[in-house]
């Protein structure tokens, strides 16, 4: 065999060895990883050997899930969620003068009132009133002679930052806002690195390291 052919054969053989080693590494890392050390919380990463992953988190009233693809990058697992992000949106549907001296903000999904939406009212005197909705809305008294300049709506439980709705008309007191949740219950991962430390996955959530041990 000539030297060039021998070198080519060696290169092909080395690539096959590296590919097999990589596949073995994926198989070794693949498995079910459960959250440890956090009371009253259940969470899990499932890494499949074919490069797919699934995620679940349940903590009190909070439930999130996710899925996508994973790969190895050195001593870390890198997660990327499926599909484009569909962000939640608040849309003002109706505003009216209302009755009495108070204000009402009703947030609906599919025509039904929803609770636990965080509300901030910005008033013309510079004051900010804060609270959260019940299924019948958020109701509050208003100081005499002031107008509502803006409504800010968010969902702290899901880390959804407040979205601002400007109120141009004066004298508006009664508001109905439609909420499109989008993929709010989906945990998104965008090339997110989870280091592998002593066989456990470490996920940084809100600045706190969460450890997931392999079952």
N, C-alpha and C. Protein backbone atom coordinates (compact mmCIF):
# COMPACT_ATOMS: atom_id res chain seq x y z
N UNK A 1 0.86 -1.20 0.00
CA UNK A 1 0.00 0.00 0.00
C UNK A 1 0.89 1.24 0.00
N UNK A 2 0.54 2.22 -0.83
CA UNK A 2 1.34 3.44 -0.88
C UNK A 2 1.15 4.25 0.40
N UNK A 3 2.13 5.16 0.64
CA UNK A 3 2.07 5.97 1.86
C UNK A 3 0.81 6.84 1.92
N UNK A 4 0.41 7.53 0.83
CA UNK A 4 -0.84 8.32 0.90
C UNK A 4 -2.06 7.49 1.22
N UNK A 5 -2.15 6.28 0.62
CA UNK A 5 -3.30 5.42 0.90
C UNK A 5 -3.29 4.94 2.34
N UNK A 6 -2.07 4.63 2.84
CA UNK A 6 -1.95 4.19 4.22
C UNK A 6 -2.37 5.29 5.19
N UNK A 7 -1.97 6.55 4.91
CA UNK A 7 -2.35 7.67 5.78
C UNK A 7 -3.86 7.91 5.74
N UNK A 8 -4.43 7.76 4.52
CA UNK A 8 -5.89 7.94 4.40
C UNK A 8 -6.63 6.87 5.18
N UNK A 9 -6.16 5.62 5.10
CA UNK A 9 -6.79 4.53 5.85
C UNK A 9 -6.69 4.76 7.34
N UNK A 10 -5.51 5.27 7.79
CA UNK A 10 -5.33 5.55 9.21
C UNK A 10 -6.28 6.65 9.67
N UNK A 11 -6.43 7.68 8.82
CA UNK A 11 -7.33 8.78 9.19
C UNK A 11 -8.76 8.30 9.32
N UNK A 12 -9.19 7.47 8.36
CA UNK A 12 -10.55 6.93 8.42
C UNK A 12 -10.73 6.09 9.67
N UNK A 13 -9.73 5.28 10.00
CA UNK A 13 -9.81 4.45 11.20
C UNK A 13 -9.90 5.27 12.47
N UNK A 14 -9.11 6.37 12.53
CA UNK A 14 -9.16 7.23 13.72
C UNK A 14 -10.52 7.92 13.86
N UNK A 15 -11.07 8.37 12.72
CA UNK A 15 -12.40 9.00 12.78
C UNK A 15 -13.44 8.02 13.29
N UNK A 16 -13.36 6.77 12.86
CA UNK A 16 -14.31 5.76 13.33
C UNK A 16 -14.17 5.53 14.82
N UNK A 17 -12.91 5.51 15.30
CA UNK A 17 -12.68 5.32 16.74
C UNK A 17 -13.25 6.49 17.53
N UNK A 18 -12.97 7.73 17.05
CA UNK A 18 -13.48 8.92 17.76
C UNK A 18 -15.00 8.94 17.77
N UNK A 19 -15.62 8.57 16.64
CA UNK A 19 -17.09 8.55 16.57
C UNK A 19 -17.66 7.54 17.55
N UNK A 20 -17.03 6.36 17.63
CA UNK A 20 -17.50 5.34 18.56
C UNK A 20 -17.35 5.80 19.99
N UNK A 21 -16.20 6.47 20.28
CA UNK A 21 -15.98 6.96 21.65
C UNK A 21 -17.01 8.01 22.01
N UNK A 22 -17.33 8.90 21.03
CA UNK A 22 -18.33 9.93 21.29
C UNK A 22 -19.69 9.31 21.56
N UNK A 23 -20.05 8.27 20.74
CA UNK A 23 -21.33 7.60 20.94
C UNK A 23 -21.38 6.93 22.30
N UNK A 24 -20.29 6.32 22.70
CA UNK A 24 -20.25 5.68 24.01
C UNK A 24 -20.42 6.72 25.11
N UNK A 25 -19.80 7.87 24.93
CA UNK A 25 -19.91 8.93 25.93
C UNK A 25 -21.36 9.41 26.05
N UNK A 26 -22.02 9.57 24.91
CA UNK A 26 -23.43 9.95 24.95
C UNK A 26 -24.25 8.90 25.68
N UNK A 27 -23.97 7.64 25.41
CA UNK A 27 -24.70 6.57 26.09
C UNK A 27 -24.42 6.58 27.59
N UNK A 28 -23.18 6.89 27.96
CA UNK A 28 -22.84 6.91 29.38
C UNK A 28 -23.55 8.05 30.12
N UNK A 29 -23.64 9.19 29.47
CA UNK A 29 -24.26 10.36 30.12
C UNK A 29 -25.78 10.26 30.10
N UNK A 30 -26.34 9.64 29.06
CA UNK A 30 -27.80 9.53 28.95
C UNK A 30 -28.38 8.84 30.18
N UNK A 31 -29.58 9.28 30.55
CA UNK A 31 -30.26 8.69 31.69
C UNK A 31 -31.23 9.66 32.32
N UNK A 32 -31.75 9.29 33.48
CA UNK A 32 -32.72 10.10 34.22
C UNK A 32 -32.02 10.77 35.39
N UNK A 33 -32.13 12.10 35.46
CA UNK A 33 -31.50 12.89 36.51
C UNK A 33 -32.59 13.58 37.34
N UNK A 34 -32.58 13.34 38.65
CA UNK A 34 -33.60 13.90 39.54
C UNK A 34 -33.00 15.00 40.42
N UNK A 35 -33.81 16.04 40.65
CA UNK A 35 -33.40 17.13 41.53
C UNK A 35 -33.23 16.64 42.95
N UNK A 36 -32.16 17.08 43.62
CA UNK A 36 -31.91 16.71 45.02
C UNK A 36 -31.68 17.98 45.83
N UNK A 37 -32.04 17.91 47.11
CA UNK A 37 -31.71 18.99 48.03
C UNK A 37 -32.67 20.15 48.07
N UNK A 38 -33.82 20.06 47.40
CA UNK A 38 -34.81 21.15 47.41
C UNK A 38 -36.12 20.58 47.91
N UNK A 39 -36.55 21.05 49.07
CA UNK A 39 -37.78 20.53 49.67
C UNK A 39 -39.00 20.98 48.87
N UNK A 40 -40.01 20.10 48.82
CA UNK A 40 -41.31 20.38 48.21
C UNK A 40 -41.21 20.67 46.72
N UNK A 41 -40.12 20.25 46.09
CA UNK A 41 -39.97 20.44 44.65
C UNK A 41 -39.62 19.11 44.00
N UNK A 42 -40.21 18.87 42.84
CA UNK A 42 -39.89 17.68 42.05
C UNK A 42 -39.48 18.14 40.66
N UNK A 43 -38.33 17.68 40.20
CA UNK A 43 -37.84 18.09 38.89
C UNK A 43 -36.96 16.99 38.32
N UNK A 44 -36.91 16.94 36.99
CA UNK A 44 -36.21 15.83 36.36
C UNK A 44 -35.77 16.22 34.94
N UNK A 45 -34.56 15.81 34.60
CA UNK A 45 -34.08 15.82 33.23
C UNK A 45 -33.97 14.38 32.76
N UNK A 46 -34.49 14.10 31.57
CA UNK A 46 -34.33 12.79 30.95
C UNK A 46 -33.52 13.01 29.68
N UNK A 47 -32.29 12.50 29.67
CA UNK A 47 -31.42 12.61 28.51
C UNK A 47 -31.44 11.28 27.76
N UNK A 48 -31.93 11.30 26.54
CA UNK A 48 -31.98 10.08 25.74
C UNK A 48 -30.68 9.93 24.94
N UNK A 49 -30.30 8.70 24.70
CA UNK A 49 -29.04 8.43 24.01
C UNK A 49 -29.04 8.95 22.57
N UNK A 50 -30.24 9.19 22.00
CA UNK A 50 -30.30 9.69 20.63
C UNK A 50 -30.17 11.21 20.55
N UNK A 51 -29.89 11.86 21.70
CA UNK A 51 -29.69 13.30 21.70
C UNK A 51 -30.93 14.12 21.99
N UNK A 52 -32.05 13.47 22.35
CA UNK A 52 -33.25 14.19 22.75
C UNK A 52 -33.28 14.31 24.28
N UNK A 53 -33.98 15.34 24.78
CA UNK A 53 -34.16 15.46 26.23
C UNK A 53 -35.58 15.88 26.54
N UNK A 54 -35.99 15.59 27.78
CA UNK A 54 -37.26 16.04 28.33
C UNK A 54 -37.00 16.60 29.71
N UNK A 55 -37.80 17.58 30.09
CA UNK A 55 -37.63 18.26 31.38
C UNK A 55 -38.98 18.45 32.04
N UNK A 56 -39.01 18.36 33.37
CA UNK A 56 -40.22 18.64 34.12
C UNK A 56 -39.88 19.26 35.46
N UNK A 57 -40.73 20.18 35.91
CA UNK A 57 -40.55 20.84 37.21
C UNK A 57 -41.91 21.09 37.83
N UNK A 58 -42.06 20.70 39.10
CA UNK A 58 -43.28 20.98 39.85
C UNK A 58 -42.88 21.51 41.21
N UNK A 59 -43.34 22.75 41.51
CA UNK A 59 -43.00 23.39 42.79
C UNK A 59 -44.19 24.22 43.23
N UNK A 60 -44.95 23.72 44.18
CA UNK A 60 -46.17 24.41 44.60
C UNK A 60 -47.15 24.49 43.44
N UNK A 61 -47.59 25.72 43.12
CA UNK A 61 -48.53 25.92 42.01
C UNK A 61 -47.82 26.03 40.67
N UNK A 62 -46.49 25.99 40.68
CA UNK A 62 -45.72 26.15 39.45
C UNK A 62 -45.45 24.80 38.80
N UNK A 63 -45.80 24.69 37.52
CA UNK A 63 -45.49 23.49 36.73
C UNK A 63 -44.90 23.93 35.40
N UNK A 64 -43.74 23.36 35.07
CA UNK A 64 -43.09 23.66 33.80
C UNK A 64 -42.58 22.38 33.18
N UNK A 65 -42.51 22.40 31.85
CA UNK A 65 -41.97 21.26 31.12
C UNK A 65 -41.17 21.78 29.94
N UNK A 66 -40.43 20.88 29.32
CA UNK A 66 -39.64 21.28 28.16
C UNK A 66 -39.10 20.05 27.45
N UNK A 67 -38.68 20.26 26.21
CA UNK A 67 -38.07 19.18 25.45
C UNK A 67 -37.23 19.80 24.34
N UNK A 68 -36.32 19.00 23.81
CA UNK A 68 -35.46 19.50 22.75
C UNK A 68 -34.30 18.55 22.52
N UNK A 69 -33.14 19.12 22.16
CA UNK A 69 -31.97 18.33 21.86
C UNK A 69 -30.85 18.67 22.85
N UNK A 70 -30.00 17.67 23.11
CA UNK A 70 -28.85 17.89 23.97
C UNK A 70 -27.60 17.33 23.30
N UNK A 71 -26.47 17.91 23.72
CA UNK A 71 -25.18 17.45 23.22
C UNK A 71 -24.15 17.63 24.33
N UNK A 72 -23.01 17.01 24.12
CA UNK A 72 -21.91 17.15 25.07
C UNK A 72 -20.94 18.21 24.58
N UNK A 73 -20.46 19.02 25.51
CA UNK A 73 -19.42 20.01 25.21
C UNK A 73 -18.42 19.97 26.37
N UNK A 74 -17.38 19.15 26.21
CA UNK A 74 -16.44 18.96 27.31
C UNK A 74 -17.13 18.28 28.47
N UNK A 75 -17.02 18.88 29.66
CA UNK A 75 -17.64 18.33 30.86
C UNK A 75 -18.99 18.99 31.14
N UNK A 76 -19.77 19.21 30.11
CA UNK A 76 -21.08 19.84 30.28
C UNK A 76 -22.06 19.29 29.27
N UNK A 77 -23.32 19.32 29.64
CA UNK A 77 -24.43 19.03 28.74
C UNK A 77 -25.00 20.36 28.27
N UNK A 78 -25.24 20.48 26.97
CA UNK A 78 -25.79 21.70 26.40
C UNK A 78 -27.19 21.40 25.89
N UNK A 79 -28.17 22.18 26.36
CA UNK A 79 -29.58 21.96 26.02
C UNK A 79 -30.09 23.06 25.08
N UNK A 80 -30.86 22.65 24.08
CA UNK A 80 -31.52 23.60 23.17
C UNK A 80 -32.95 23.14 22.96
N UNK A 81 -33.90 24.01 23.27
CA UNK A 81 -35.31 23.67 23.17
C UNK A 81 -35.77 23.58 21.72
N UNK A 82 -36.86 22.83 21.53
CA UNK A 82 -37.47 22.69 20.21
C UNK A 82 -38.22 23.96 19.82
N UNK A 83 -38.23 24.23 18.52
CA UNK A 83 -39.14 25.22 17.96
C UNK A 83 -38.88 26.65 18.37
N UNK A 84 -39.56 27.59 17.73
CA UNK A 84 -39.41 29.01 18.07
C UNK A 84 -40.13 29.35 19.38
N UNK A 85 -39.67 30.41 20.01
CA UNK A 85 -40.29 30.88 21.26
C UNK A 85 -41.60 31.59 20.92
N UNK A 86 -42.67 31.26 21.65
CA UNK A 86 -43.97 31.90 21.49
C UNK A 86 -44.26 32.68 22.77
N UNK A 87 -43.82 33.94 22.84
CA UNK A 87 -43.90 34.68 24.10
C UNK A 87 -45.33 35.02 24.49
N UNK A 88 -45.63 35.02 25.79
CA UNK A 88 -46.95 35.43 26.27
C UNK A 88 -47.21 36.91 25.95
N UNK A 89 -48.48 37.27 25.75
CA UNK A 89 -48.84 38.64 25.40
C UNK A 89 -50.11 39.07 26.13
N UNK A 90 -50.12 40.33 26.55
CA UNK A 90 -51.31 40.96 27.11
C UNK A 90 -51.82 41.99 26.10
N UNK A 91 -53.13 41.96 25.83
CA UNK A 91 -53.73 42.88 24.86
C UNK A 91 -54.96 43.54 25.48
N UNK A 92 -54.99 44.87 25.49
CA UNK A 92 -56.14 45.59 26.02
C UNK A 92 -57.31 45.42 25.06
N UNK A 93 -58.41 44.85 25.57
CA UNK A 93 -59.59 44.64 24.75
C UNK A 93 -60.65 45.72 24.93
N UNK A 94 -60.75 46.24 26.15
CA UNK A 94 -61.82 47.20 26.42
C UNK A 94 -61.43 48.08 27.58
N UNK A 95 -61.81 49.33 27.52
CA UNK A 95 -61.65 50.24 28.66
C UNK A 95 -62.89 51.11 28.78
N UNK A 96 -63.30 51.40 30.00
CA UNK A 96 -64.49 52.20 30.23
C UNK A 96 -64.32 53.08 31.45
N UNK A 97 -65.31 53.94 31.65
CA UNK A 97 -65.26 54.88 32.78
C UNK A 97 -65.48 54.18 34.11
N UNK A 98 -66.20 53.06 34.10
CA UNK A 98 -66.46 52.36 35.35
C UNK A 98 -67.45 53.10 36.22
N UNK A 99 -67.60 52.61 37.44
CA UNK A 99 -68.53 53.21 38.39
C UNK A 99 -67.81 53.46 39.71
N UNK A 100 -68.21 54.52 40.38
CA UNK A 100 -67.60 54.84 41.66
C UNK A 100 -66.19 55.40 41.48
N UNK A 101 -65.43 55.39 42.54
CA UNK A 101 -64.09 55.99 42.50
C UNK A 101 -62.98 54.99 42.37
N UNK A 102 -63.30 53.74 42.10
CA UNK A 102 -62.27 52.72 42.04
C UNK A 102 -61.92 52.31 40.62
N UNK A 103 -60.96 51.36 40.51
CA UNK A 103 -60.53 50.84 39.22
C UNK A 103 -60.60 49.32 39.26
N UNK A 104 -60.87 48.73 38.09
CA UNK A 104 -60.92 47.28 37.95
C UNK A 104 -60.12 46.86 36.73
N UNK A 105 -59.26 45.87 36.90
CA UNK A 105 -58.52 45.28 35.78
C UNK A 105 -58.87 43.79 35.75
N UNK A 106 -59.59 43.38 34.71
CA UNK A 106 -59.95 41.97 34.53
C UNK A 106 -59.07 41.38 33.45
N UNK A 107 -58.35 40.30 33.76
CA UNK A 107 -57.51 39.61 32.78
C UNK A 107 -58.18 38.28 32.44
N UNK A 108 -58.35 38.03 31.14
CA UNK A 108 -59.07 36.83 30.71
C UNK A 108 -58.19 35.96 29.81
N UNK A 109 -58.46 34.66 29.87
CA UNK A 109 -57.93 33.68 28.93
C UNK A 109 -59.13 32.92 28.38
N UNK A 110 -59.30 32.98 27.07
CA UNK A 110 -60.46 32.34 26.42
C UNK A 110 -61.77 32.80 27.04
N UNK A 111 -61.82 34.09 27.39
CA UNK A 111 -63.05 34.68 27.90
C UNK A 111 -63.31 34.49 29.38
N UNK A 112 -62.42 33.82 30.09
CA UNK A 112 -62.63 33.57 31.52
C UNK A 112 -61.55 34.29 32.33
N UNK A 113 -61.98 34.87 33.46
CA UNK A 113 -61.05 35.58 34.32
C UNK A 113 -60.02 34.66 34.93
N UNK A 114 -58.77 35.14 35.02
CA UNK A 114 -57.69 34.34 35.60
C UNK A 114 -57.09 35.08 36.79
N UNK A 115 -56.66 34.29 37.76
CA UNK A 115 -56.07 34.84 38.98
C UNK A 115 -54.54 34.82 38.90
N UNK A 116 -53.93 35.52 39.87
CA UNK A 116 -52.48 35.53 40.10
C UNK A 116 -51.69 36.21 38.99
N UNK A 117 -52.34 37.17 38.30
CA UNK A 117 -51.62 38.05 37.38
C UNK A 117 -51.20 39.29 38.16
N UNK A 118 -49.91 39.57 38.18
CA UNK A 118 -49.41 40.74 38.92
C UNK A 118 -49.78 42.03 38.18
N UNK A 119 -50.27 43.01 38.94
CA UNK A 119 -50.77 44.26 38.36
C UNK A 119 -50.06 45.45 39.00
N UNK A 120 -49.66 46.40 38.16
CA UNK A 120 -49.17 47.71 38.62
C UNK A 120 -49.94 48.77 37.86
N UNK A 121 -50.54 49.72 38.58
CA UNK A 121 -51.19 50.87 37.96
C UNK A 121 -50.32 52.09 38.18
N UNK A 122 -49.95 52.75 37.09
CA UNK A 122 -49.20 54.01 37.18
C UNK A 122 -50.19 55.16 37.04
N UNK A 123 -50.20 56.03 38.03
CA UNK A 123 -51.18 57.12 38.09
C UNK A 123 -50.57 58.44 37.65
N UNK A 124 -51.45 59.38 37.33
CA UNK A 124 -51.01 60.68 36.84
C UNK A 124 -50.29 61.50 37.91
N UNK A 125 -50.47 61.17 39.17
CA UNK A 125 -49.77 61.89 40.25
C UNK A 125 -48.43 61.24 40.59
N UNK A 126 -47.99 60.26 39.80
CA UNK A 126 -46.72 59.59 40.04
C UNK A 126 -46.80 58.38 40.95
N UNK A 127 -47.96 58.14 41.52
CA UNK A 127 -48.13 57.01 42.43
C UNK A 127 -48.25 55.70 41.64
N UNK A 128 -47.82 54.60 42.26
CA UNK A 128 -47.96 53.27 41.67
C UNK A 128 -48.73 52.39 42.65
N UNK A 129 -49.81 51.79 42.18
CA UNK A 129 -50.60 50.86 42.97
C UNK A 129 -50.32 49.44 42.49
N UNK A 130 -50.08 48.51 43.42
CA UNK A 130 -49.70 47.16 43.04
C UNK A 130 -50.65 46.14 43.67
N UNK A 131 -50.79 45.02 43.01
CA UNK A 131 -51.62 43.93 43.53
C UNK A 131 -51.60 42.77 42.54
N UNK A 132 -52.61 41.93 42.64
CA UNK A 132 -52.72 40.82 41.70
C UNK A 132 -54.19 40.47 41.51
N UNK A 133 -54.49 39.83 40.41
CA UNK A 133 -55.87 39.55 40.05
C UNK A 133 -56.42 38.33 40.79
N UNK A 134 -57.73 38.36 40.98
CA UNK A 134 -58.54 37.18 41.27
C UNK A 134 -59.28 36.83 39.97
N UNK A 135 -60.11 35.82 40.01
CA UNK A 135 -60.85 35.47 38.79
C UNK A 135 -61.81 36.60 38.38
N UNK A 136 -62.20 37.45 39.34
CA UNK A 136 -63.06 38.58 39.03
C UNK A 136 -62.25 39.84 38.72
N UNK A 137 -60.95 39.75 38.75
CA UNK A 137 -60.10 40.89 38.41
C UNK A 137 -59.35 41.44 39.61
N UNK A 138 -58.70 42.57 39.37
CA UNK A 138 -58.00 43.32 40.43
C UNK A 138 -58.77 44.61 40.64
N UNK A 139 -59.15 44.87 41.90
CA UNK A 139 -59.93 46.06 42.21
C UNK A 139 -59.20 46.87 43.27
N UNK A 140 -59.24 48.18 43.08
CA UNK A 140 -58.58 49.06 44.05
C UNK A 140 -59.24 50.43 44.03
N UNK A 141 -59.15 51.11 45.16
CA UNK A 141 -59.61 52.50 45.21
C UNK A 141 -58.56 53.40 44.57
N UNK A 142 -59.02 54.56 44.06
CA UNK A 142 -58.12 55.52 43.44
C UNK A 142 -58.21 56.86 44.16
N UNK A 143 -57.08 57.56 44.28
CA UNK A 143 -57.15 58.91 44.84
C UNK A 143 -58.03 59.81 43.96
N UNK A 144 -58.64 60.77 44.56
CA UNK A 144 -59.52 61.67 43.80
C UNK A 144 -58.72 62.48 42.79
N UNK A 145 -59.30 62.64 41.61
CA UNK A 145 -58.73 63.54 40.61
C UNK A 145 -57.53 63.02 39.86
N UNK A 146 -57.25 61.73 39.92
CA UNK A 146 -56.09 61.20 39.18
C UNK A 146 -56.57 60.28 38.06
N UNK A 147 -55.71 60.12 37.07
CA UNK A 147 -55.98 59.21 35.97
C UNK A 147 -54.97 58.07 35.97
N UNK A 148 -55.36 56.99 35.33
CA UNK A 148 -54.44 55.86 35.14
C UNK A 148 -53.70 56.09 33.83
N UNK A 149 -52.38 56.17 33.91
CA UNK A 149 -51.56 56.43 32.73
C UNK A 149 -51.07 55.13 32.07
N UNK A 150 -50.89 54.08 32.88
CA UNK A 150 -50.39 52.83 32.31
C UNK A 150 -50.75 51.67 33.23
N UNK A 151 -50.89 50.49 32.62
CA UNK A 151 -51.09 49.25 33.37
C UNK A 151 -49.91 48.33 33.03
N UNK A 152 -49.28 47.77 34.05
CA UNK A 152 -48.20 46.81 33.85
C UNK A 152 -48.66 45.45 34.37
N UNK A 153 -48.57 44.44 33.51
CA UNK A 153 -49.05 43.10 33.86
C UNK A 153 -47.92 42.08 33.66
N UNK A 154 -47.76 41.19 34.62
CA UNK A 154 -46.76 40.14 34.54
C UNK A 154 -47.19 38.94 35.36
N UNK A 155 -46.35 37.90 35.32
CA UNK A 155 -46.61 36.70 36.11
C UNK A 155 -45.29 36.32 36.78
N UNK A 156 -45.14 36.77 38.01
CA UNK A 156 -43.88 36.55 38.73
C UNK A 156 -43.57 35.07 38.89
N UNK A 157 -44.61 34.27 39.09
CA UNK A 157 -44.43 32.84 39.31
C UNK A 157 -43.67 32.20 38.15
N UNK A 158 -43.91 32.70 36.94
CA UNK A 158 -43.27 32.15 35.75
C UNK A 158 -42.16 33.04 35.21
N UNK A 159 -41.68 33.96 36.04
CA UNK A 159 -40.61 34.88 35.62
C UNK A 159 -40.98 35.68 34.38
N UNK A 160 -42.25 35.96 34.21
CA UNK A 160 -42.70 36.78 33.09
C UNK A 160 -42.65 38.25 33.51
N UNK A 161 -41.72 38.99 32.92
CA UNK A 161 -41.54 40.40 33.27
C UNK A 161 -42.79 41.20 32.90
N UNK A 162 -43.09 42.27 33.66
CA UNK A 162 -44.29 43.06 33.38
C UNK A 162 -44.29 43.64 31.97
N UNK A 163 -45.45 43.56 31.31
CA UNK A 163 -45.65 44.17 30.01
C UNK A 163 -46.50 45.42 30.20
N UNK A 164 -46.12 46.49 29.53
CA UNK A 164 -46.72 47.80 29.76
C UNK A 164 -47.81 48.09 28.73
N UNK A 165 -48.96 48.54 29.22
CA UNK A 165 -50.06 48.98 28.36
C UNK A 165 -50.32 50.46 28.67
N UNK A 166 -50.07 51.32 27.71
CA UNK A 166 -50.30 52.75 27.89
C UNK A 166 -51.80 53.05 27.81
N UNK A 167 -52.26 53.94 28.68
CA UNK A 167 -53.67 54.37 28.69
C UNK A 167 -53.70 55.85 28.31
N UNK A 168 -54.11 56.12 27.07
CA UNK A 168 -54.07 57.49 26.57
C UNK A 168 -55.30 58.29 26.99
N UNK A 169 -56.46 57.64 27.04
CA UNK A 169 -57.70 58.36 27.35
C UNK A 169 -57.81 58.64 28.84
N UNK A 170 -58.24 59.82 29.17
CA UNK A 170 -58.45 60.18 30.57
C UNK A 170 -59.78 59.63 31.05
N UNK A 171 -59.85 59.39 32.36
CA UNK A 171 -61.10 58.95 32.96
C UNK A 171 -61.38 57.47 32.82
N UNK A 172 -60.44 56.69 32.27
CA UNK A 172 -60.66 55.25 32.14
C UNK A 172 -60.42 54.58 33.50
N UNK A 173 -61.35 53.73 33.92
CA UNK A 173 -61.26 53.09 35.24
C UNK A 173 -61.49 51.57 35.18
N UNK A 174 -62.12 51.10 34.11
CA UNK A 174 -62.55 49.71 34.02
C UNK A 174 -61.91 49.08 32.78
N UNK A 175 -61.08 48.04 32.98
CA UNK A 175 -60.29 47.50 31.88
C UNK A 175 -60.46 45.99 31.78
N UNK A 176 -60.53 45.51 30.56
CA UNK A 176 -60.50 44.07 30.28
C UNK A 176 -59.30 43.81 29.37
N UNK A 177 -58.44 42.90 29.80
CA UNK A 177 -57.20 42.59 29.08
C UNK A 177 -57.20 41.11 28.73
N UNK A 178 -56.95 40.81 27.47
CA UNK A 178 -56.83 39.41 27.03
C UNK A 178 -55.38 38.94 27.20
N UNK A 179 -55.23 37.76 27.78
CA UNK A 179 -53.91 37.19 27.99
C UNK A 179 -53.74 35.96 27.11
N UNK A 180 -52.72 36.01 26.24
CA UNK A 180 -52.34 34.84 25.44
C UNK A 180 -51.11 34.23 26.12
N UNK A 181 -51.26 33.07 26.78
CA UNK A 181 -50.15 32.51 27.56
C UNK A 181 -48.96 32.08 26.72
N UNK A 182 -49.16 31.87 25.40
CA UNK A 182 -48.05 31.39 24.58
C UNK A 182 -47.47 30.12 25.16
N UNK A 183 -46.14 30.08 25.29
CA UNK A 183 -45.49 28.90 25.87
C UNK A 183 -44.98 29.18 27.28
N UNK A 184 -45.77 29.92 28.06
CA UNK A 184 -45.35 30.32 29.40
C UNK A 184 -45.06 29.11 30.29
N UNK A 185 -45.73 28.00 30.06
CA UNK A 185 -45.50 26.82 30.89
C UNK A 185 -44.33 25.97 30.39
N UNK A 186 -43.70 26.42 29.29
CA UNK A 186 -42.55 25.71 28.75
C UNK A 186 -41.26 26.34 29.26
N UNK A 187 -40.36 25.52 29.76
CA UNK A 187 -39.05 26.00 30.15
C UNK A 187 -38.16 26.01 28.90
N UNK A 188 -37.69 27.20 28.52
CA UNK A 188 -36.87 27.34 27.33
C UNK A 188 -35.39 27.22 27.68
N UNK A 189 -34.67 26.49 26.85
CA UNK A 189 -33.22 26.38 26.97
C UNK A 189 -32.60 26.78 25.63
N UNK A 190 -31.73 27.76 25.66
CA UNK A 190 -31.06 28.23 24.45
C UNK A 190 -29.56 28.03 24.61
N UNK A 191 -29.06 26.90 24.11
CA UNK A 191 -27.64 26.56 24.25
C UNK A 191 -27.19 26.70 25.71
N UNK A 192 -28.01 26.20 26.61
CA UNK A 192 -27.73 26.33 28.04
C UNK A 192 -26.83 25.20 28.51
N UNK A 193 -25.74 25.59 29.18
CA UNK A 193 -24.75 24.61 29.64
C UNK A 193 -25.07 24.17 31.07
N UNK A 194 -25.11 22.86 31.26
CA UNK A 194 -25.25 22.26 32.58
C UNK A 194 -23.97 21.47 32.86
N UNK A 195 -23.07 22.00 33.69
CA UNK A 195 -21.84 21.27 33.99
C UNK A 195 -22.14 19.92 34.65
N UNK A 196 -21.30 18.95 34.37
CA UNK A 196 -21.38 17.65 35.02
C UNK A 196 -20.34 17.64 36.14
N UNK A 197 -20.82 17.61 37.37
CA UNK A 197 -19.95 17.68 38.55
C UNK A 197 -20.20 16.44 39.41
N UNK A 198 -19.18 15.62 39.56
CA UNK A 198 -19.29 14.38 40.34
C UNK A 198 -20.48 13.53 39.86
N UNK A 199 -20.67 13.49 38.55
CA UNK A 199 -21.74 12.68 37.98
C UNK A 199 -23.11 13.31 38.00
N UNK A 200 -23.24 14.52 38.57
CA UNK A 200 -24.54 15.21 38.64
C UNK A 200 -24.57 16.37 37.66
N UNK A 201 -25.76 16.68 37.15
CA UNK A 201 -25.95 17.88 36.34
C UNK A 201 -26.22 19.06 37.27
N UNK A 202 -25.62 20.21 36.97
CA UNK A 202 -25.82 21.42 37.77
C UNK A 202 -26.45 22.48 36.87
N UNK A 203 -27.66 22.89 37.23
CA UNK A 203 -28.41 23.90 36.47
C UNK A 203 -28.52 25.16 37.31
N UNK A 204 -28.10 26.28 36.74
CA UNK A 204 -28.21 27.57 37.41
C UNK A 204 -29.58 28.16 37.12
N UNK A 205 -30.40 28.31 38.14
CA UNK A 205 -31.73 28.88 37.99
C UNK A 205 -31.87 30.05 38.93
N UNK A 206 -32.01 31.25 38.37
CA UNK A 206 -32.13 32.44 39.19
C UNK A 206 -30.92 32.67 40.08
N UNK A 207 -29.74 32.28 39.59
CA UNK A 207 -28.52 32.46 40.36
C UNK A 207 -28.25 31.38 41.38
N UNK A 208 -29.16 30.39 41.48
CA UNK A 208 -29.00 29.31 42.44
C UNK A 208 -28.65 28.01 41.71
N UNK A 209 -27.61 27.30 42.15
CA UNK A 209 -27.27 26.04 41.51
C UNK A 209 -28.18 24.92 41.99
N UNK A 210 -28.81 24.22 41.05
CA UNK A 210 -29.65 23.07 41.35
C UNK A 210 -28.93 21.81 40.86
N UNK A 211 -28.85 20.81 41.72
CA UNK A 211 -28.13 19.58 41.40
C UNK A 211 -29.11 18.46 41.05
N UNK A 212 -28.82 17.79 39.98
CA UNK A 212 -29.63 16.66 39.50
C UNK A 212 -28.75 15.41 39.46
N UNK A 213 -29.10 14.44 40.28
CA UNK A 213 -28.32 13.21 40.33
C UNK A 213 -28.93 12.13 39.47
N UNK A 214 -28.07 11.35 38.85
CA UNK A 214 -28.52 10.29 37.95
C UNK A 214 -29.13 9.15 38.75
N UNK A 215 -30.27 8.68 38.27
CA UNK A 215 -30.99 7.61 38.96
C UNK A 215 -30.33 6.26 38.67
